[in-house]
Amino acid sequence: MTNKFLRNFLDRFPDREREIALLERDNPDFRSICEEIEIAEIALARWKEIPLRALEYQAILDRLEAEFFEHLSSDPRQDKCTSPNASGEIIR
């Protein structure tokens, strides 16, 4: 994989590397999402000095990232325990 976006996600979620690699290899929709994210990241970096434009691209990135995680069997951002304990506090 040469996509910088994918490399960053693999670094963040190394335990999901096989699943991500298989999706990238076998799923054209997943590849398209990754390509779109990479383009949006470049645009965001380009427009970072113009806050309104940067916010637009950040919103695009957020939506694309959500689509990326929809393709995984479970969202690794949610894998950490976030259930309330007996006293109602969230455990992370």
Protein backbone atom coordinates (compact mmCIF):
# COMPACT_ATOMS: atom_id res chain seq x y z
CA MET A 1 0.00 0.00 0.00
CA THR A 2 1.39 3.36 -0.98
CA ASN A 3 -1.54 5.50 0.10
CA LYS A 4 -0.39 7.79 2.94
CA PHE A 5 -3.86 7.80 4.43
CA LEU A 6 -3.87 4.01 4.69
CA ARG A 7 -0.38 3.99 6.15
CA ASN A 8 -1.49 6.46 8.83
CA PHE A 9 -4.51 4.31 9.70
CA LEU A 10 -2.42 1.16 9.80
CA ASP A 11 -0.07 2.93 12.20
CA ARG A 12 -3.04 3.95 14.37
CA PHE A 13 -4.72 0.51 14.24
CA PRO A 14 -1.98 -2.07 13.61
CA ASP A 15 -4.20 -4.93 14.77
CA ARG A 16 -6.52 -4.19 11.79
CA GLU A 17 -3.78 -4.25 9.15
CA ARG A 18 -4.85 -7.53 7.55
CA GLU A 19 -8.51 -6.50 7.31
CA ILE A 20 -7.63 -3.09 5.88
CA ALA A 21 -5.16 -4.61 3.41
CA LEU A 22 -7.75 -7.12 2.19
CA LEU A 23 -10.39 -4.43 1.77
CA GLU A 24 -7.93 -2.24 -0.12
CA ARG A 25 -7.06 -5.15 -2.39
CA ASP A 26 -10.56 -6.56 -2.97
CA ASN A 27 -13.08 -3.74 -2.56
CA PRO A 28 -13.18 -0.99 -5.20
CA ASP A 29 -15.54 1.13 -3.08
CA PHE A 30 -13.10 1.00 -0.18
CA ARG A 31 -10.20 1.96 -2.47
CA SER A 32 -12.25 4.86 -3.79
CA ILE A 33 -12.95 6.12 -0.29
CA CYS A 34 -9.24 5.94 0.52
CA GLU A 35 -8.36 7.87 -2.62
CA GLU A 36 -10.97 10.51 -1.85
CA ILE A 37 -9.64 10.88 1.69
CA GLU A 38 -6.13 11.35 0.41
CA ILE A 39 -7.33 14.07 -1.99
CA ALA A 40 -9.34 15.77 0.76
CA GLU A 41 -6.34 15.71 3.11
CA ILE A 42 -4.23 17.44 0.47
CA ALA A 43 -6.95 20.04 -0.07
CA LEU A 44 -7.31 20.60 3.67
CA ALA A 45 -3.58 21.23 3.99
CA ARG A 46 -3.77 23.66 1.07
CA TRP A 47 -6.65 25.63 2.58
CA LYS A 48 -5.60 25.56 6.24
CA GLU A 49 -5.01 29.34 6.24
CA ILE A 50 -8.64 30.00 5.22
CA PRO A 51 -10.73 28.76 8.16
CA LEU A 52 -14.09 28.48 6.41
CA ARG A 53 -12.66 26.48 3.54
CA ALA A 54 -10.65 24.33 5.95
CA LEU A 55 -13.84 23.57 7.89
CA GLU A 56 -15.54 22.44 4.69
CA TYR A 57 -12.73 20.01 3.93
CA GLN A 58 -12.63 18.81 7.52
CA ALA A 59 -16.34 17.99 7.29
CA ILE A 60 -15.70 16.09 4.06
CA LEU A 61 -12.86 14.18 5.74
CA ASP A 62 -15.06 13.35 8.71
CA ARG A 63 -17.76 11.89 6.44
CA LEU A 64 -15.22 9.91 4.42
CA GLU A 65 -13.57 8.58 7.56
CA ALA A 66 -16.97 7.40 8.79
CA GLU A 67 -17.45 5.57 5.47
CA PHE A 68 -13.99 4.05 5.85
CA PHE A 69 -14.92 2.63 9.25
CA GLU A 70 -18.28 1.35 7.99
CA HIS A 71 -16.33 -1.05 5.79
CA LEU A 72 -14.49 -2.57 8.75
CA SER A 73 -16.12 -5.36 10.72
CA SER A 74 -16.12 -3.05 13.74
CA ASP A 75 -14.92 0.48 14.30
CA PRO A 76 -11.48 0.35 15.99
CA ARG A 77 -12.18 3.76 17.52
CA GLN A 78 -14.89 2.03 19.57
CA ASP A 79 -12.85 -1.05 20.51
CA LYS A 80 -11.73 0.51 23.78
CA CYS A 81 -14.15 -0.02 26.62
CA THR A 82 -16.53 2.91 26.77
CA SER A 83 -19.26 1.33 28.85
CA PRO A 84 -20.41 2.84 32.10
CA ASN A 85 -19.17 1.19 35.26
CA ALA A 86 -21.45 0.44 38.24
CA SER A 87 -21.47 4.08 39.31
CA GLY A 88 -22.36 5.30 35.81
CA GLU A 89 -18.91 6.64 34.95
CA ILE A 90 -17.56 5.98 31.47
CA ILE A 91 -14.55 3.66 31.49
CA ARG A 92 -11.94 4.31 28.78
